[in-house]
Amino acid sequence: MKNFLNIRSVGMKKGAIRAMFDKAKKIPGSINLGIGEPDLNTPAEIIEEGCKALRSGKTRYTANAGIIELRIEIAKHLNRYNLSVNPESEIIVTVGGMGALALCLLVTITPGDEILLQDPQWLNYFSQIKFCGGVPISV
């Protein structure tokens, strides 16, 4: 079968931390101390709000930048810290921090750009920069 993967993705390797997580899954009672995964369950009121949103029909695609009402609330929150932003043009809601970072890198890196990274750094930074055509440099 022909390989349909883009040439950029062919050299990407699975990080060592993922290999550790795979091993830890096989050890009963192991505790995940990494990557910001909370060790508590989602509060019941948040689960209920999610269910209410689904029951009320909020199951469609949103605007590319995210739900405007959410962006307005984010702008209000930032305003409490004297940060004034336009929720229509200066806030984008993503599915997570790494998605936000990938989007930022894709729109700012030109192939060949050298990007300085503090060392040590999160392994994803290195591979995301390379994927976008940048040259990561550890300092």
N, C-alpha and C. Protein backbone atom coordinates (compact mmCIF):
# COMPACT_ATOMS: atom_id res chain seq x y z
N MET A 1 0.84 -1.18 0.00
CA MET A 1 0.00 0.00 0.00
C MET A 1 0.89 1.24 0.00
N LYS A 2 0.49 2.23 -0.75
CA LYS A 2 1.25 3.48 -0.84
C LYS A 2 1.16 4.26 0.47
N ASN A 3 2.28 4.88 0.84
CA ASN A 3 2.31 5.70 2.04
C ASN A 3 1.76 7.08 1.70
N PHE A 4 0.67 7.48 2.33
CA PHE A 4 0.03 8.76 2.05
C PHE A 4 0.43 9.85 3.03
N LEU A 5 1.36 9.56 3.92
CA LEU A 5 1.77 10.56 4.90
C LEU A 5 2.63 11.62 4.24
N ASN A 6 2.43 12.86 4.66
CA ASN A 6 3.23 13.97 4.19
C ASN A 6 4.67 13.76 4.61
N ILE A 7 5.60 14.20 3.79
CA ILE A 7 7.03 14.02 4.06
C ILE A 7 7.43 14.61 5.41
N ARG A 8 6.73 15.68 5.85
CA ARG A 8 7.06 16.29 7.14
C ARG A 8 6.83 15.33 8.30
N SER A 9 5.85 14.46 8.17
CA SER A 9 5.49 13.60 9.29
C SER A 9 6.29 12.30 9.34
N VAL A 10 6.98 11.98 8.27
CA VAL A 10 7.69 10.70 8.21
C VAL A 10 8.79 10.60 9.27
N GLY A 11 9.51 11.68 9.54
CA GLY A 11 10.62 11.63 10.49
C GLY A 11 10.22 11.84 11.93
N MET A 12 8.95 12.03 12.20
CA MET A 12 8.52 12.27 13.58
C MET A 12 8.58 10.98 14.38
N LYS A 13 9.13 11.08 15.58
CA LYS A 13 9.29 9.90 16.43
C LYS A 13 8.41 10.02 17.66
N LYS A 14 8.05 8.88 18.19
CA LYS A 14 7.31 8.84 19.44
C LYS A 14 8.26 9.24 20.56
N GLY A 15 7.84 10.15 21.41
CA GLY A 15 8.69 10.63 22.49
C GLY A 15 8.90 9.57 23.56
N ALA A 16 10.02 9.69 24.26
CA ALA A 16 10.35 8.75 25.34
C ALA A 16 9.30 8.79 26.44
N ILE A 17 8.72 9.96 26.68
CA ILE A 17 7.72 10.07 27.74
C ILE A 17 6.49 9.21 27.41
N ARG A 18 6.14 9.13 26.13
CA ARG A 18 5.00 8.28 25.73
C ARG A 18 5.33 6.81 25.98
N ALA A 19 6.55 6.42 25.72
CA ALA A 19 6.95 5.03 25.99
C ALA A 19 6.85 4.73 27.49
N MET A 20 7.23 5.72 28.33
CA MET A 20 7.10 5.53 29.78
C MET A 20 5.63 5.38 30.17
N PHE A 21 4.75 6.21 29.58
CA PHE A 21 3.33 6.11 29.89
C PHE A 21 2.79 4.74 29.49
N ASP A 22 3.23 4.23 28.34
CA ASP A 22 2.79 2.90 27.90
C ASP A 22 3.20 1.83 28.91
N LYS A 23 4.44 1.93 29.43
CA LYS A 23 4.91 0.97 30.43
C LYS A 23 4.12 1.12 31.73
N ALA A 24 3.88 2.35 32.14
CA ALA A 24 3.18 2.60 33.41
C ALA A 24 1.76 2.05 33.38
N LYS A 25 1.11 2.08 32.23
CA LYS A 25 -0.26 1.54 32.12
C LYS A 25 -0.31 0.06 32.50
N LYS A 26 0.81 -0.62 32.32
CA LYS A 26 0.86 -2.06 32.61
C LYS A 26 1.16 -2.35 34.08
N ILE A 27 1.44 -1.30 34.86
CA ILE A 27 1.77 -1.48 36.28
C ILE A 27 0.56 -1.09 37.12
N PRO A 28 -0.07 -2.07 37.78
CA PRO A 28 -1.25 -1.75 38.59
C PRO A 28 -0.93 -0.73 39.69
N GLY A 29 -1.80 0.26 39.84
CA GLY A 29 -1.64 1.25 40.89
C GLY A 29 -0.66 2.36 40.60
N SER A 30 -0.09 2.37 39.38
CA SER A 30 0.86 3.45 39.07
C SER A 30 0.11 4.78 39.02
N ILE A 31 0.80 5.85 39.38
CA ILE A 31 0.20 7.18 39.44
C ILE A 31 0.86 8.06 38.39
N ASN A 32 0.05 8.71 37.57
CA ASN A 32 0.54 9.61 36.53
C ASN A 32 0.90 10.95 37.16
N LEU A 33 2.16 11.32 37.09
CA LEU A 33 2.63 12.59 37.63
C LEU A 33 3.04 13.56 36.52
N GLY A 34 2.59 13.31 35.31
CA GLY A 34 3.06 14.13 34.21
C GLY A 34 1.98 14.78 33.37
N ILE A 35 2.41 15.60 32.50
CA ILE A 35 1.71 16.34 31.44
C ILE A 35 0.40 17.02 31.83
N GLY A 36 0.28 17.42 33.07
CA GLY A 36 -0.87 18.24 33.45
C GLY A 36 -2.20 17.53 33.54
N GLU A 37 -2.19 16.23 33.57
CA GLU A 37 -3.44 15.47 33.67
C GLU A 37 -3.92 15.49 35.11
N PRO A 38 -5.10 16.06 35.38
CA PRO A 38 -5.56 16.12 36.77
C PRO A 38 -5.85 14.73 37.33
N ASP A 39 -5.68 14.59 38.65
CA ASP A 39 -5.94 13.31 39.29
C ASP A 39 -7.30 13.30 39.99
N LEU A 40 -8.17 14.21 39.58
CA LEU A 40 -9.50 14.26 40.17
C LEU A 40 -10.56 14.18 39.07
N ASN A 41 -11.73 13.76 39.46
CA ASN A 41 -12.82 13.64 38.49
C ASN A 41 -13.40 15.01 38.17
N THR A 42 -14.03 15.11 37.01
CA THR A 42 -14.70 16.35 36.62
C THR A 42 -15.84 16.61 37.59
N PRO A 43 -15.92 17.84 38.14
CA PRO A 43 -17.01 18.16 39.07
C PRO A 43 -18.38 17.94 38.44
N ALA A 44 -19.33 17.47 39.26
CA ALA A 44 -20.67 17.13 38.79
C ALA A 44 -21.35 18.30 38.09
N GLU A 45 -21.16 19.53 38.60
CA GLU A 45 -21.84 20.68 37.98
C GLU A 45 -21.31 20.96 36.57
N ILE A 46 -20.05 20.66 36.32
CA ILE A 46 -19.50 20.84 34.98
C ILE A 46 -20.06 19.77 34.05
N ILE A 47 -20.14 18.55 34.53
CA ILE A 47 -20.74 17.47 33.74
C ILE A 47 -22.18 17.83 33.38
N GLU A 48 -22.94 18.32 34.37
CA GLU A 48 -24.34 18.67 34.13
C GLU A 48 -24.46 19.81 33.12
N GLU A 49 -23.59 20.81 33.22
CA GLU A 49 -23.63 21.93 32.26
C GLU A 49 -23.34 21.42 30.84
N GLY A 50 -22.40 20.49 30.72
CA GLY A 50 -22.12 19.90 29.41
C GLY A 50 -23.32 19.15 28.87
N CYS A 51 -23.99 18.39 29.73
CA CYS A 51 -25.19 17.66 29.32
C CYS A 51 -26.30 18.62 28.91
N LYS A 52 -26.48 19.71 29.67
CA LYS A 52 -27.50 20.71 29.33
C LYS A 52 -27.22 21.32 27.96
N ALA A 53 -25.96 21.62 27.70
CA ALA A 53 -25.59 22.20 26.41
C ALA A 53 -25.92 21.23 25.28
N LEU A 54 -25.62 19.96 25.46
CA LEU A 54 -25.93 18.96 24.44
C LEU A 54 -27.43 18.82 24.23
N ARG A 55 -28.19 18.77 25.36
CA ARG A 55 -29.65 18.64 25.25
C ARG A 55 -30.29 19.85 24.58
N SER A 56 -29.67 21.02 24.72
CA SER A 56 -30.24 22.23 24.14
C SER A 56 -29.82 22.43 22.68
N GLY A 57 -29.11 21.45 22.12
CA GLY A 57 -28.78 21.51 20.70
C GLY A 57 -27.41 22.08 20.37
N LYS A 58 -26.57 22.29 21.36
CA LYS A 58 -25.24 22.83 21.08
C LYS A 58 -24.32 21.69 20.65
N THR A 59 -24.60 21.17 19.47
CA THR A 59 -23.87 20.02 18.94
C THR A 59 -23.32 20.30 17.55
N ARG A 60 -23.34 21.54 17.13
CA ARG A 60 -22.91 21.90 15.77
C ARG A 60 -21.51 22.53 15.81
N TYR A 61 -20.95 22.67 14.64
CA TYR A 61 -19.67 23.37 14.54
C TYR A 61 -19.82 24.80 15.02
N THR A 62 -18.77 25.33 15.60
CA THR A 62 -18.76 26.73 16.04
C THR A 62 -18.00 27.55 15.00
N ALA A 63 -17.91 28.84 15.26
CA ALA A 63 -17.05 29.69 14.44
C ALA A 63 -15.61 29.17 14.57
N ASN A 64 -14.79 29.42 13.58
CA ASN A 64 -13.41 28.93 13.62
C ASN A 64 -12.67 29.37 14.88
N ALA A 65 -12.94 30.57 15.35
CA ALA A 65 -12.25 31.09 16.53
C ALA A 65 -12.89 30.64 17.83
N GLY A 66 -14.01 29.93 17.75
CA GLY A 66 -14.69 29.46 18.96
C GLY A 66 -15.99 30.22 19.20
N ILE A 67 -16.74 29.77 20.16
CA ILE A 67 -18.04 30.36 20.50
C ILE A 67 -17.83 31.79 20.99
N ILE A 68 -18.51 32.75 20.34
CA ILE A 68 -18.29 34.16 20.67
C ILE A 68 -18.61 34.47 22.12
N GLU A 69 -19.66 33.87 22.67
CA GLU A 69 -20.00 34.12 24.08
C GLU A 69 -18.84 33.72 25.01
N LEU A 70 -18.19 32.62 24.69
CA LEU A 70 -17.04 32.18 25.48
C LEU A 70 -15.89 33.16 25.32
N ARG A 71 -15.64 33.62 24.10
CA ARG A 71 -14.55 34.57 23.87
C ARG A 71 -14.81 35.89 24.60
N ILE A 72 -16.08 36.30 24.66
CA ILE A 72 -16.43 37.52 25.40
C ILE A 72 -16.14 37.33 26.89
N GLU A 73 -16.51 36.17 27.44
CA GLU A 73 -16.24 35.90 28.86
C GLU A 73 -14.73 35.84 29.14
N ILE A 74 -13.97 35.28 28.20
CA ILE A 74 -12.51 35.25 28.36
C ILE A 74 -11.96 36.67 28.38
N ALA A 75 -12.46 37.52 27.49
CA ALA A 75 -12.02 38.93 27.45
C ALA A 75 -12.35 39.64 28.76
N LYS A 76 -13.54 39.37 29.31
CA LYS A 76 -13.92 39.97 30.60
C LYS A 76 -12.96 39.52 31.70
N HIS A 77 -12.63 38.24 31.69
CA HIS A 77 -11.70 37.70 32.69
C HIS A 77 -10.33 38.39 32.57
N LEU A 78 -9.83 38.51 31.35
CA LEU A 78 -8.53 39.14 31.14
C LEU A 78 -8.55 40.61 31.54
N ASN A 79 -9.70 41.25 31.35
CA ASN A 79 -9.84 42.66 31.70
C ASN A 79 -9.64 42.88 33.20
N ARG A 80 -9.99 41.89 34.02
CA ARG A 80 -9.77 41.99 35.46
C ARG A 80 -8.29 42.14 35.81
N TYR A 81 -7.44 41.72 34.88
CA TYR A 81 -5.99 41.81 35.07
C TYR A 81 -5.39 42.92 34.20
N ASN A 82 -6.25 43.89 33.84
CA ASN A 82 -5.84 45.04 33.02
C ASN A 82 -5.31 44.65 31.65
N LEU A 83 -5.82 43.56 31.11
CA LEU A 83 -5.49 43.15 29.75
C LEU A 83 -6.72 43.38 28.88
N SER A 84 -6.63 44.31 27.97
CA SER A 84 -7.76 44.65 27.12
C SER A 84 -7.59 43.98 25.76
N VAL A 85 -8.51 43.08 25.44
CA VAL A 85 -8.45 42.38 24.15
C VAL A 85 -9.83 42.40 23.50
N ASN A 86 -9.82 42.35 22.18
CA ASN A 86 -11.06 42.30 21.41
C ASN A 86 -11.44 40.83 21.23
N PRO A 87 -12.55 40.39 21.80
CA PRO A 87 -12.91 38.97 21.70
C PRO A 87 -13.22 38.52 20.28
N GLU A 88 -13.55 39.46 19.40
CA GLU A 88 -13.88 39.08 18.02
C GLU A 88 -12.64 38.89 17.16
N SER A 89 -11.53 39.57 17.51
CA SER A 89 -10.36 39.49 16.64
C SER A 89 -9.07 39.08 17.35
N GLU A 90 -9.08 39.00 18.67
CA GLU A 90 -7.84 38.73 19.39
C GLU A 90 -7.89 37.51 20.30
N ILE A 91 -8.97 36.76 20.26
CA ILE A 91 -9.07 35.55 21.08
C ILE A 91 -9.49 34.39 20.18
N ILE A 92 -8.76 33.29 20.30
CA ILE A 92 -9.11 32.05 19.60
C ILE A 92 -9.18 30.96 20.66
N VAL A 93 -10.25 30.19 20.65
CA VAL A 93 -10.41 29.07 21.58
C VAL A 93 -9.95 27.80 20.86
N THR A 94 -9.04 27.07 21.49
CA THR A 94 -8.54 25.82 20.90
C THR A 94 -8.90 24.65 21.81
N VAL A 95 -8.61 23.45 21.35
CA VAL A 95 -8.94 22.26 22.14
C VAL A 95 -7.93 21.98 23.24
N GLY A 96 -6.85 22.72 23.28
CA GLY A 96 -5.86 22.52 24.33
C GLY A 96 -4.61 23.34 24.06
N GLY A 97 -3.70 23.30 25.01
CA GLY A 97 -2.48 24.08 24.90
C GLY A 97 -1.60 23.69 23.72
N MET A 98 -1.46 22.40 23.47
CA MET A 98 -0.61 21.97 22.36
C MET A 98 -1.24 22.33 21.02
N GLY A 99 -2.58 22.29 20.93
CA GLY A 99 -3.25 22.73 19.71
C GLY A 99 -3.03 24.21 19.47
N ALA A 100 -3.08 25.00 20.55
CA ALA A 100 -2.83 26.44 20.44
C ALA A 100 -1.40 26.70 19.99
N LEU A 101 -0.45 25.97 20.58
CA LEU A 101 0.95 26.14 20.20
C LEU A 101 1.17 25.76 18.74
N ALA A 102 0.59 24.65 18.31
CA ALA A 102 0.74 24.22 16.92
C ALA A 102 0.19 25.28 15.96
N LEU A 103 -0.96 25.84 16.29
CA LEU A 103 -1.56 26.87 15.44
C LEU A 103 -0.64 28.10 15.38
N CYS A 104 -0.13 28.54 16.53
CA CYS A 104 0.78 29.69 16.56
C CYS A 104 2.02 29.44 15.71
N LEU A 105 2.60 28.26 15.85
CA LEU A 105 3.80 27.95 15.09
C LEU A 105 3.52 27.88 13.60
N LEU A 106 2.40 27.28 13.22
CA LEU A 106 2.06 27.16 11.80
C LEU A 106 1.90 28.51 11.12
N VAL A 107 1.38 29.49 11.85
CA VAL A 107 1.14 30.80 11.22
C VAL A 107 2.30 31.77 11.39
N THR A 108 3.33 31.40 12.16
CA THR A 108 4.44 32.34 12.35
C THR A 108 5.78 31.84 11.84
N ILE A 109 5.97 30.54 11.70
CA ILE A 109 7.27 30.01 11.27
C ILE A 109 7.30 29.88 9.75
N THR A 110 8.36 30.43 9.17
CA THR A 110 8.65 30.23 7.76
C THR A 110 9.71 29.14 7.69
N PRO A 111 9.59 28.18 6.77
CA PRO A 111 10.60 27.13 6.70
C PRO A 111 12.02 27.70 6.72
N GLY A 112 12.83 27.12 7.60
CA GLY A 112 14.21 27.57 7.76
C GLY A 112 14.41 28.51 8.93
N ASP A 113 13.34 29.07 9.49
CA ASP A 113 13.47 29.95 10.65
C ASP A 113 14.10 29.19 11.81
N GLU A 114 15.04 29.84 12.49
CA GLU A 114 15.66 29.25 13.67
C GLU A 114 14.88 29.71 14.90
N ILE A 115 14.47 28.75 15.72
CA ILE A 115 13.66 29.02 16.91
C ILE A 115 14.45 28.61 18.15
N LEU A 116 14.68 29.57 19.05
CA LEU A 116 15.40 29.27 20.28
C LEU A 116 14.47 28.63 21.30
N LEU A 117 14.95 27.57 21.93
CA LEU A 117 14.21 26.86 22.97
C LEU A 117 15.08 26.76 24.21
N GLN A 118 14.49 27.05 25.36
CA GLN A 118 15.25 26.82 26.59
C GLN A 118 15.42 25.32 26.76
N ASP A 119 16.53 24.94 27.37
CA ASP A 119 16.80 23.52 27.58
C ASP A 119 16.97 23.31 29.09
N PRO A 120 16.24 22.42 29.72
CA PRO A 120 15.35 21.44 29.08
C PRO A 120 14.02 22.07 28.64
N GLN A 121 13.39 21.41 27.69
CA GLN A 121 12.09 21.85 27.20
C GLN A 121 11.18 20.66 27.02
N TRP A 122 9.90 20.95 26.87
CA TRP A 122 8.92 19.90 26.61
C TRP A 122 9.20 19.36 25.22
N LEU A 123 9.28 18.05 25.07
CA LEU A 123 9.68 17.43 23.81
C LEU A 123 8.80 17.83 22.63
N ASN A 124 7.53 18.08 22.87
CA ASN A 124 6.63 18.45 21.78
C ASN A 124 7.06 19.73 21.09
N TYR A 125 7.67 20.66 21.83
CA TYR A 125 8.08 21.92 21.22
C TYR A 125 9.03 21.65 20.06
N PHE A 126 10.01 20.81 20.32
CA PHE A 126 11.03 20.48 19.33
C PHE A 126 10.40 19.90 18.07
N SER A 127 9.55 18.88 18.24
CA SER A 127 8.96 18.22 17.07
C SER A 127 7.96 19.12 16.35
N GLN A 128 7.21 19.95 17.09
CA GLN A 128 6.27 20.84 16.42
C GLN A 128 7.00 21.88 15.57
N ILE A 129 8.09 22.41 16.07
CA ILE A 129 8.87 23.38 15.30
C ILE A 129 9.41 22.73 14.03
N LYS A 130 9.96 21.52 14.16
CA LYS A 130 10.47 20.81 12.98
C LYS A 130 9.36 20.53 11.98
N PHE A 131 8.19 20.14 12.48
CA PHE A 131 7.06 19.84 11.61
C PHE A 131 6.66 21.06 10.79
N CYS A 132 6.78 22.25 11.40
CA CYS A 132 6.42 23.50 10.72
C CYS A 132 7.54 24.02 9.83
N GLY A 133 8.64 23.29 9.76
CA GLY A 133 9.74 23.70 8.89
C GLY A 133 10.79 24.53 9.58
N GLY A 134 10.62 24.78 10.87
CA GLY A 134 11.59 25.56 11.61
C GLY A 134 12.77 24.71 12.06
N VAL A 135 13.79 25.39 12.54
CA VAL A 135 14.99 24.73 13.04
C VAL A 135 15.09 25.02 14.54
N PRO A 136 14.76 24.03 15.39
CA PRO A 136 14.84 24.26 16.83
C PRO A 136 16.29 24.31 17.31
N ILE A 137 16.59 25.29 18.15
CA ILE A 137 17.93 25.42 18.71
C ILE A 137 17.81 25.50 20.23
N SER A 138 18.40 24.52 20.91
CA SER A 138 18.36 24.50 22.37
C SER A 138 19.41 25.43 22.94
N VAL A 139 19.01 26.23 23.93
CA VAL A 139 19.96 27.12 24.61
C VAL A 139 19.88 26.91 26.10
